[in-house]
Amino acid sequence: MARLVNLTPHAVSIAGLVVPPSGTVARVAEEVTACGTITIEGVEIPLIAKRFGRIENLPEPQPGVILITSALVAQAAWAEGRNDVVCPGEPIRDDQGRVVGAAALCVAP
């Protein structure tokens, strides 16, 4: 039987099952570079470029353990050949349009 470990900072509700955060948050390192500004309707808006790097805080694969992460972390992990990493997919929304859960988990394509 598989066990889900939530590596996001929030509880994740998947098809009615709530997976609490594990206390470890997996992230993708990012490098931010200022690229100038644009002015729209008199408001100066900074422009930045982001470059995403290595995955931080992603545990090594363990038998029977499926890791829930953000979509950005999952895609980076899939690119490294990890198939034990998933992310929430197909959002479930309340009557006000807020995401309250997911109907499925996304796996590596």
Protein backbone atom coordinates (compact mmCIF):
# COMPACT_ATOMS: atom_id res chain seq x y z
CA MET A 1 0.00 0.00 0.00
CA ALA A 2 1.32 3.46 -0.92
CA ARG A 3 1.70 6.35 1.51
CA LEU A 4 1.31 10.00 0.51
CA VAL A 5 3.75 12.60 1.92
CA ASN A 6 2.72 16.22 1.41
CA LEU A 7 5.74 18.44 0.69
CA THR A 8 3.66 21.62 0.26
CA PRO A 9 3.00 24.16 3.04
CA HIS A 10 -0.77 23.53 2.98
CA ALA A 11 -3.10 20.59 3.54
CA VAL A 12 -4.00 19.00 0.19
CA SER A 13 -7.48 17.57 -0.40
CA ILE A 14 -7.52 14.89 -3.10
CA ALA A 15 -10.87 13.32 -3.94
CA GLY A 16 -12.01 13.85 -0.35
CA LEU A 17 -8.81 12.59 1.31
CA VAL A 18 -7.00 15.35 3.22
CA VAL A 19 -3.21 15.01 3.38
CA PRO A 20 -1.68 17.33 5.99
CA PRO A 21 1.63 19.07 5.33
CA SER A 22 4.64 17.02 6.44
CA GLY A 23 6.58 20.01 7.73
CA THR A 24 9.09 19.78 4.87
CA VAL A 25 8.46 22.00 1.84
CA ALA A 26 10.06 21.04 -1.48
CA ARG A 27 10.88 24.02 -3.67
CA VAL A 28 12.75 24.82 -6.85
CA ALA A 29 15.58 27.30 -6.29
CA GLU A 30 15.14 30.49 -8.26
CA GLU A 31 17.45 33.25 -9.38
CA VAL A 32 15.84 36.65 -9.93
CA THR A 33 17.37 39.35 -12.13
CA ALA A 34 16.05 42.90 -12.44
CA CYS A 35 15.36 43.77 -16.09
CA GLY A 36 14.11 47.35 -15.93
CA THR A 37 10.62 48.78 -15.75
CA ILE A 38 7.59 49.56 -17.84
CA THR A 39 5.13 52.37 -17.24
CA ILE A 40 1.44 51.68 -17.66
CA GLU A 41 -1.20 54.33 -16.93
CA GLY A 42 1.41 56.35 -15.05
CA VAL A 43 2.46 53.42 -12.84
CA GLU A 44 6.04 52.20 -13.04
CA ILE A 45 6.13 48.40 -12.85
CA PRO A 46 9.39 46.51 -12.25
CA LEU A 47 10.31 43.73 -14.69
CA ILE A 48 12.24 40.70 -13.49
CA ALA A 49 13.50 37.49 -15.06
CA LYS A 50 13.40 34.23 -13.11
CA ARG A 51 15.62 31.25 -13.74
CA PHE A 52 14.67 28.06 -11.95
CA GLY A 53 17.40 25.77 -10.67
CA ARG A 54 17.73 22.67 -8.58
CA ILE A 55 15.07 21.13 -6.37
CA GLU A 56 15.45 21.78 -2.65
CA ASN A 57 14.16 19.56 0.18
CA LEU A 58 13.03 16.66 -2.02
CA PRO A 59 13.70 13.39 -0.19
CA GLU A 60 15.27 10.45 -1.96
CA PRO A 61 12.80 7.89 -3.34
CA GLN A 62 11.45 5.36 -0.83
CA PRO A 63 9.46 2.22 -1.63
CA GLY A 64 5.73 2.82 -1.30
CA VAL A 65 6.05 6.59 -0.73
CA ILE A 66 4.46 9.09 -3.12
CA LEU A 67 5.51 12.72 -2.68
CA ILE A 68 2.96 15.51 -3.26
CA THR A 69 4.60 18.76 -4.41
CA SER A 70 3.76 21.90 -6.34
CA ALA A 71 3.45 21.57 -10.10
CA LEU A 72 6.75 23.42 -10.58
CA VAL A 73 8.63 21.00 -8.31
CA ALA A 74 6.90 17.99 -9.86
CA GLN A 75 7.87 19.04 -13.39
CA ALA A 76 11.49 19.56 -12.35
CA ALA A 77 11.51 16.14 -10.63
CA TRP A 78 9.95 14.46 -13.68
CA ALA A 79 12.67 16.00 -15.84
CA GLU A 80 15.19 14.25 -13.56
CA GLY A 81 13.39 10.92 -14.07
CA ARG A 82 11.54 10.81 -10.74
CA ASN A 83 8.23 8.94 -10.91
CA ASP A 84 7.49 9.07 -7.17
CA VAL A 85 6.51 12.75 -7.33
CA VAL A 86 2.96 13.96 -8.05
CA CYS A 87 1.07 17.25 -7.86
CA PRO A 88 -2.62 18.10 -7.45
CA GLY A 89 -4.54 18.05 -10.72
CA GLU A 90 -8.06 18.86 -11.91
CA PRO A 91 -9.04 21.46 -9.30
CA ILE A 92 -12.32 21.28 -7.42
CA ARG A 93 -13.83 24.73 -6.84
CA ASP A 94 -16.46 25.96 -4.41
CA ASP A 95 -19.47 28.04 -5.47
CA GLN A 96 -17.32 31.20 -5.34
CA GLY A 97 -14.67 29.75 -7.65
CA ARG A 98 -12.02 29.15 -4.98
CA VAL A 99 -9.95 25.97 -5.25
CA VAL A 100 -10.84 23.68 -2.34
CA GLY A 101 -9.24 20.46 -3.51
CA ALA A 102 -8.35 18.30 -6.46
CA ALA A 103 -10.13 15.43 -8.13
CA ALA A 104 -6.92 13.67 -9.13
CA LEU A 105 -3.15 13.60 -8.83
CA CYS A 106 -0.90 14.50 -11.77
CA VAL A 107 1.88 12.01 -12.51
CA ALA A 108 4.89 12.16 -14.81
CA PRO A 109 3.83 12.07 -18.48
